[in-house]
Amino acid sequence: MISRRLLRVKALQVLYAFNRKEGDDMASAHNELALSIEKAYDLYIYLLLLYVEMAYVAESRIETGLQKNFPTLEELNPNRKFADNRVIRYLRESEDLARVMRERKISWSGHEEIPRVLFSRMNEWPEFSAYLNSQEDSVVSDRKFLGNLLTGLLLETEDLLMHLEETSIYWNDDLEFAVIMIEKTLKRIRDDEEPTYFLLPLFKNEDDEKFASGLLVNSLLRSNETRQLIERNTTNWEIERIALMDILVMQLAITEIMVFPEIPVKVSLNEYIEIAKYYCTAKSSTFINGILDKVVKEMKENEMFVKSGRGLIGENE
């Protein structure tokens, strides 16, 4: 499922685009957020299918070797460990994955050269040889290899990275999150049982689905209020001199604290400070941290938010 960290990032990106475009409206921003989230899930499915495509390449190479007039001893006795990888077999046989592929129109059709290139690179990879020759033969070893393959080779290969960048502009910031989703998916496939449904859903639950749209819409609606809070707490700084991305990160953080009573203040602050490290300047996270501390203090004094349930964690510290 899409993590809340990624949902926050998506809201930030759409909010930034909204502020850069004249005449953009809230409905367009909301639609753009929904599309961006859907595209992140598409990347997760696309990378899962890459395993299947590479296994097809393995089978094709094996068949080609067997059909030669004078096959080598190795070609007559091929190592089928990767082609028969149990986890890949589950992916190939999964009705749920097939349904998602159809519904989302996701496939590697037309780009078969990428799996072929990646398979050739894998053949030269020492860990692939170690996997093929290992005495361990189980679902656990199969899924461990696939996890290492993704992070240790595939996402280090320029051909794949360039292909993903060219395929969707939405995928530039989604790779890290897609990898986490794939790792969670692989862990769902256990050695002692046939998996029935192992794909992660788009959202963890209904709360997460509402969180993303609620965060964006309320950030837009409360823009003037949150900007005034920031301006009052930026000593010796005019708000016009603060980088737009810094302002938007703070606006989202303040909005989240105001609107979502079940999220602890510290969680919101930590999340946006971490996001600032990636999407703002080198010194922004420290600057944002200092301003938000002052803003939260003012908000508490004026009872501008109420926390409940899990949101009360850390409130008395």
Protein backbone atom coordinates (compact mmCIF):
# COMPACT_ATOMS: atom_id res chain seq x y z
CA MET A 1 0.00 0.00 0.00
CA ILE A 2 1.06 3.60 -0.56
CA SER A 3 2.73 4.88 2.62
CA ARG A 4 1.65 8.08 4.31
CA ARG A 5 5.10 9.50 3.68
CA LEU A 6 4.53 9.16 -0.05
CA LEU A 7 1.01 10.59 0.28
CA ARG A 8 2.51 13.65 1.96
CA VAL A 9 5.11 13.96 -0.81
CA LYS A 10 2.41 13.70 -3.46
CA ALA A 11 0.37 16.42 -1.74
CA LEU A 12 3.47 18.62 -1.59
CA GLN A 13 4.20 18.16 -5.30
CA VAL A 14 0.63 18.99 -6.31
CA LEU A 15 0.56 21.98 -3.95
CA TYR A 16 3.78 23.25 -5.51
CA ALA A 17 2.38 22.87 -9.03
CA PHE A 18 -0.85 24.61 -7.94
CA ASN A 19 1.12 27.59 -6.64
CA ARG A 20 3.16 27.82 -9.83
CA LYS A 21 0.18 27.74 -12.20
CA GLU A 22 -2.08 30.72 -12.67
CA GLY A 23 -5.76 29.94 -12.89
CA ASP A 24 -5.44 26.40 -11.53
CA ASP A 25 -8.44 25.28 -9.50
CA MET A 26 -8.99 22.97 -6.56
CA ALA A 27 -10.75 20.30 -8.61
CA SER A 28 -7.79 20.09 -11.00
CA ALA A 29 -5.36 19.85 -8.10
CA HIS A 30 -7.42 17.09 -6.49
CA ASN A 31 -7.55 15.14 -9.77
CA GLU A 32 -3.80 15.54 -10.23
CA LEU A 33 -3.19 14.16 -6.73
CA ALA A 34 -5.37 11.13 -7.42
CA LEU A 35 -3.59 10.46 -10.73
CA SER A 36 -0.16 10.82 -9.14
CA ILE A 37 -1.03 8.28 -6.43
CA GLU A 38 -2.41 5.84 -8.99
CA LYS A 39 0.79 6.13 -11.03
CA ALA A 40 2.89 5.27 -7.98
CA TYR A 41 0.92 2.04 -7.63
CA ASP A 42 1.39 1.36 -11.35
CA LEU A 43 5.16 1.47 -10.83
CA TYR A 44 4.88 -1.15 -8.09
CA ILE A 45 2.97 -3.48 -10.44
CA TYR A 46 5.30 -2.71 -13.36
CA LEU A 47 8.39 -3.72 -11.38
CA LEU A 48 6.74 -6.92 -10.14
CA LEU A 49 6.03 -7.82 -13.76
CA LEU A 50 9.68 -7.25 -14.61
CA TYR A 51 10.55 -10.40 -12.66
CA VAL A 52 8.08 -12.35 -14.81
CA GLU A 53 9.46 -10.89 -18.04
CA MET A 54 13.02 -11.78 -17.08
CA ALA A 55 11.94 -15.36 -16.31
CA TYR A 56 10.40 -15.54 -19.80
CA VAL A 57 13.77 -14.46 -21.21
CA ALA A 58 15.45 -17.22 -19.18
CA GLU A 59 13.05 -19.82 -20.59
CA SER A 60 13.56 -18.53 -24.12
CA ARG A 61 17.34 -18.81 -23.78
CA ILE A 62 17.01 -22.36 -22.45
CA GLU A 63 14.74 -23.39 -25.33
CA THR A 64 17.07 -21.82 -27.89
CA GLY A 65 20.00 -23.78 -26.47
CA LEU A 66 18.12 -27.08 -26.55
CA GLN A 67 17.07 -26.57 -30.18
CA LYS A 68 20.61 -26.10 -31.48
CA ASN A 69 21.97 -28.77 -33.79
CA PHE A 70 25.00 -29.22 -31.58
CA PRO A 71 24.10 -27.99 -28.08
CA THR A 72 26.78 -27.88 -25.42
CA LEU A 73 26.61 -30.06 -22.33
CA GLU A 74 25.49 -27.01 -20.36
CA GLU A 75 22.75 -26.29 -22.88
CA LEU A 76 21.56 -29.90 -22.70
CA ASN A 77 21.40 -29.67 -18.90
CA PRO A 78 20.32 -26.09 -18.23
CA ASN A 79 20.05 -24.66 -14.75
CA ARG A 80 16.36 -23.76 -14.47
CA LYS A 81 16.49 -22.32 -10.97
CA PHE A 82 15.71 -18.76 -12.03
CA ALA A 83 13.23 -19.75 -14.75
CA ASP A 84 11.39 -21.90 -12.18
CA ASN A 85 11.71 -19.43 -9.29
CA ARG A 86 8.70 -20.17 -7.08
CA VAL A 87 7.93 -16.55 -6.32
CA ILE A 88 7.92 -15.69 -10.01
CA ARG A 89 5.66 -18.68 -10.64
CA TYR A 90 3.20 -17.33 -8.07
CA LEU A 91 3.29 -13.98 -9.85
CA ARG A 92 2.66 -15.60 -13.21
CA GLU A 93 -0.23 -17.67 -11.90
CA SER A 94 -1.82 -14.92 -9.82
CA GLU A 95 -5.33 -14.10 -11.03
CA ASP A 96 -5.24 -10.92 -8.96
CA LEU A 97 -2.09 -9.69 -10.66
CA ALA A 98 -3.56 -10.56 -14.07
CA ARG A 99 -6.72 -8.61 -13.18
CA VAL A 100 -4.75 -5.55 -12.05
CA MET A 101 -2.69 -5.70 -15.26
CA ARG A 102 -5.85 -5.69 -17.35
CA GLU A 103 -7.59 -2.97 -15.38
CA ARG A 104 -4.58 -0.68 -15.34
CA LYS A 105 -3.32 -1.64 -18.80
CA ILE A 106 0.17 -2.36 -17.50
CA SER A 107 2.59 -4.58 -19.38
CA TRP A 108 6.09 -4.69 -20.83
CA SER A 109 4.70 -5.17 -24.34
CA GLY A 110 6.69 -3.05 -26.75
CA HIS A 111 9.64 -2.80 -24.38
CA GLU A 112 10.85 -6.41 -24.38
CA GLU A 113 14.42 -5.28 -25.00
CA ILE A 114 14.70 -3.97 -21.43
CA PRO A 115 14.13 -7.37 -19.72
CA ARG A 116 16.55 -8.92 -22.23
CA VAL A 117 19.26 -6.37 -21.43
CA LEU A 118 18.67 -6.81 -17.71
CA PHE A 119 18.82 -10.60 -18.02
CA SER A 120 22.20 -10.32 -19.75
CA ARG A 121 23.46 -8.03 -16.98
CA MET A 122 22.18 -10.50 -14.39
CA ASN A 123 24.10 -13.32 -16.06
CA GLU A 124 27.30 -11.38 -15.39
CA TRP A 125 26.36 -10.64 -11.79
CA PRO A 126 28.29 -12.75 -9.21
CA GLU A 127 25.25 -13.06 -6.95
CA PHE A 128 23.28 -14.68 -9.76
CA SER A 129 25.91 -17.41 -10.15
CA ALA A 130 25.90 -17.90 -6.38
CA TYR A 131 22.11 -18.24 -6.40
CA LEU A 132 22.09 -20.77 -9.25
CA ASN A 133 24.76 -22.92 -7.61
CA SER A 134 23.48 -22.71 -4.03
CA GLN A 135 22.28 -25.91 -2.39
CA GLU A 136 19.48 -23.95 -0.72
CA ASP A 137 16.32 -24.38 -2.75
CA SER A 138 13.20 -22.88 -1.20
CA VAL A 139 10.70 -20.06 -1.45
CA VAL A 140 12.78 -18.21 1.14
CA SER A 141 15.94 -18.36 -0.99
CA ASP A 142 13.95 -17.50 -4.12
CA ARG A 143 12.39 -14.39 -2.65
CA LYS A 144 15.67 -13.33 -1.00
CA PHE A 145 17.39 -13.44 -4.38
CA LEU A 146 14.62 -11.41 -6.03
CA GLY A 147 14.89 -8.75 -3.33
CA ASN A 148 18.67 -8.53 -3.79
CA LEU A 149 18.27 -8.53 -7.56
CA LEU A 150 16.01 -5.48 -7.50
CA THR A 151 18.09 -3.31 -5.18
CA GLY A 152 21.54 -4.70 -5.96
CA LEU A 153 21.42 -4.80 -9.74
CA LEU A 154 18.23 -3.73 -11.53
CA LEU A 155 17.88 -0.30 -9.93
CA GLU A 156 21.60 0.28 -10.42
CA THR A 157 21.24 -0.26 -14.19
CA GLU A 158 21.01 2.89 -16.26
CA ASP A 159 18.93 1.20 -18.98
CA LEU A 160 16.09 0.53 -16.54
CA LEU A 161 16.28 3.91 -14.82
CA MET A 162 16.18 5.77 -18.15
CA HIS A 163 13.27 3.61 -19.32
CA LEU A 164 11.25 4.33 -16.17
CA GLU A 165 11.97 8.04 -16.45
CA GLU A 166 10.85 8.09 -20.07
CA THR A 167 7.74 5.99 -19.38
CA SER A 168 6.19 8.23 -16.72
CA ILE A 169 7.11 11.64 -15.34
CA TYR A 170 5.33 10.61 -12.14
CA TRP A 171 7.87 7.88 -11.36
CA ASN A 172 10.87 10.11 -10.68
CA ASP A 173 10.27 10.19 -6.93
CA ASP A 174 8.43 6.89 -6.51
CA LEU A 175 11.17 4.26 -6.86
CA GLU A 176 12.14 4.14 -3.19
CA PHE A 177 8.52 3.64 -2.15
CA ALA A 178 7.85 1.05 -4.87
CA VAL A 179 10.86 -0.96 -3.64
CA ILE A 180 9.49 -0.95 -0.10
CA MET A 181 6.13 -2.20 -1.41
CA ILE A 182 7.80 -4.99 -3.38
CA GLU A 183 9.82 -6.05 -0.33
CA LYS A 184 6.62 -6.26 1.70
CA THR A 185 4.96 -8.24 -1.10
CA LEU A 186 7.81 -10.75 -1.24
CA LYS A 187 7.58 -11.29 2.51
CA ARG A 188 3.92 -12.25 2.10
CA ILE A 189 4.99 -15.28 0.06
CA ARG A 190 5.96 -17.92 2.59
CA ASP A 191 7.63 -21.31 2.32
CA ASP A 192 4.89 -23.24 4.08
CA GLU A 193 1.82 -22.20 2.13
CA GLU A 194 0.58 -21.38 -1.35
CA PRO A 195 -0.17 -17.65 -1.43
CA THR A 196 -3.69 -16.70 -2.41
CA TYR A 197 -3.63 -12.90 -2.38
CA PHE A 198 -0.26 -11.25 -1.83
CA LEU A 199 -0.58 -7.97 -3.72
CA LEU A 200 -0.68 -4.88 -1.55
CA PRO A 201 -3.77 -2.68 -1.92
CA LEU A 202 -3.46 0.90 -3.15
CA PHE A 203 -4.33 2.25 0.31
CA LYS A 204 -3.82 0.60 3.68
CA ASN A 205 -7.33 1.57 4.74
CA GLU A 206 -10.07 4.12 4.20
CA ASP A 207 -8.36 6.57 6.57
CA ASP A 208 -5.28 6.70 4.36
CA GLU A 209 -7.40 7.29 1.27
CA LYS A 210 -9.15 10.21 2.96
CA PHE A 211 -5.86 11.49 4.40
CA ALA A 212 -4.28 12.37 1.07
CA SER A 213 -7.22 14.31 -0.36
CA GLY A 214 -8.04 15.88 3.02
CA LEU A 215 -4.48 17.10 3.45
CA LEU A 216 -4.36 18.75 0.03
CA VAL A 217 -7.83 20.29 0.08
CA ASN A 218 -7.44 21.71 3.59
CA SER A 219 -3.98 23.06 2.74
CA LEU A 220 -5.53 24.99 -0.13
CA LEU A 221 -8.50 26.18 1.92
CA ARG A 222 -6.34 27.26 4.88
CA SER A 223 -3.54 28.76 2.82
CA ASN A 224 -4.00 32.33 4.07
CA GLU A 225 -4.32 31.22 7.70
CA THR A 226 -1.20 29.05 7.64
CA ARG A 227 0.85 31.68 5.80
CA GLN A 228 -0.07 34.25 8.46
CA LEU A 229 1.08 31.83 11.17
CA ILE A 230 4.38 31.35 9.38
CA GLU A 231 4.86 35.08 8.82
CA ARG A 232 4.24 35.92 12.50
CA ASN A 233 6.90 33.42 13.54
CA THR A 234 9.68 34.24 11.08
CA THR A 235 11.75 36.81 12.94
CA ASN A 236 13.76 39.08 10.61
CA TRP A 237 12.38 37.26 7.57
CA GLU A 238 9.78 38.53 5.12
CA ILE A 239 7.69 35.63 3.88
CA GLU A 240 8.35 36.70 0.27
CA ARG A 241 12.05 35.94 0.83
CA ILE A 242 11.42 32.36 1.98
CA ALA A 243 11.67 29.68 -0.71
CA LEU A 244 8.27 28.55 -1.96
CA MET A 245 8.97 24.89 -1.22
CA ASP A 246 9.92 25.73 2.38
CA ILE A 247 6.64 27.60 2.82
CA LEU A 248 4.60 24.76 1.35
CA VAL A 249 6.25 22.15 3.56
CA MET A 250 5.38 24.26 6.59
CA GLN A 251 1.85 24.86 5.34
CA LEU A 252 1.25 21.13 4.98
CA ALA A 253 2.69 20.42 8.42
CA ILE A 254 0.52 23.09 10.06
CA THR A 255 -2.57 21.93 8.18
CA GLU A 256 -1.99 18.32 9.20
CA ILE A 257 -1.64 19.30 12.86
CA MET A 258 -4.88 21.30 12.66
CA VAL A 259 -7.03 18.89 10.67
CA PHE A 260 -6.03 15.37 11.75
CA PRO A 261 -6.64 14.93 15.51
CA GLU A 262 -5.42 11.30 15.52
CA ILE A 263 -1.89 12.15 14.28
CA PRO A 264 0.52 13.21 17.06
CA VAL A 265 2.15 16.61 16.60
CA LYS A 266 5.63 15.09 16.81
CA VAL A 267 4.83 12.64 14.03
CA SER A 268 3.71 15.44 11.71
CA LEU A 269 6.75 17.58 12.52
CA ASN A 270 9.22 14.73 12.04
CA GLU A 271 7.63 13.69 8.74
CA TYR A 272 7.85 17.13 7.16
CA ILE A 273 11.35 17.82 8.45
CA GLU A 274 12.45 14.57 6.77
CA ILE A 275 10.64 15.53 3.57
CA ALA A 276 12.36 18.93 3.64
CA LYS A 277 15.75 17.19 3.59
CA TYR A 278 14.94 15.80 0.14
CA TYR A 279 12.82 18.52 -1.44
CA CYS A 280 14.25 21.75 -0.02
CA THR A 281 17.71 23.30 0.29
CA ALA A 282 20.48 21.90 2.48
CA LYS A 283 19.72 24.22 5.41
CA SER A 284 15.93 24.20 5.02
CA SER A 285 15.15 21.36 7.45
CA THR A 286 16.81 23.24 10.34
CA PHE A 287 15.08 26.49 9.39
CA ILE A 288 11.70 24.78 9.00
CA ASN A 289 12.12 22.94 12.30
CA GLY A 290 12.75 26.20 14.16
CA ILE A 291 9.77 28.01 12.60
CA LEU A 292 7.37 25.11 13.13
CA ASP A 293 8.33 24.86 16.80
CA LYS A 294 7.30 28.51 17.24
CA VAL A 295 4.12 28.04 15.20
CA VAL A 296 3.04 24.98 17.22
CA LYS A 297 3.63 26.89 20.46
CA GLU A 298 1.36 29.71 19.25
CA MET A 299 -1.24 27.22 18.06
CA LYS A 300 -1.31 25.51 21.46
CA GLU A 301 -1.63 28.81 23.31
CA ASN A 302 -4.58 29.80 21.10
CA GLU A 303 -6.13 26.30 21.14
CA MET A 304 -6.01 26.08 17.37
CA PHE A 305 -6.00 22.27 17.32
CA VAL A 306 -7.33 19.42 19.41
CA LYS A 307 -5.76 15.96 19.54
CA SER A 308 -7.51 12.74 20.45
CA GLY A 309 -6.77 9.01 20.62
CA ARG A 310 -3.30 8.25 19.27
CA GLY A 311 -2.89 11.93 18.53
CA LEU A 312 -2.42 12.59 22.24
CA ILE A 313 0.90 10.71 22.26
CA GLY A 314 3.65 13.10 23.36
CA GLU A 315 1.27 15.97 24.14
CA ASN A 316 2.25 16.12 27.81
CA GLU A 317 6.01 16.04 27.20
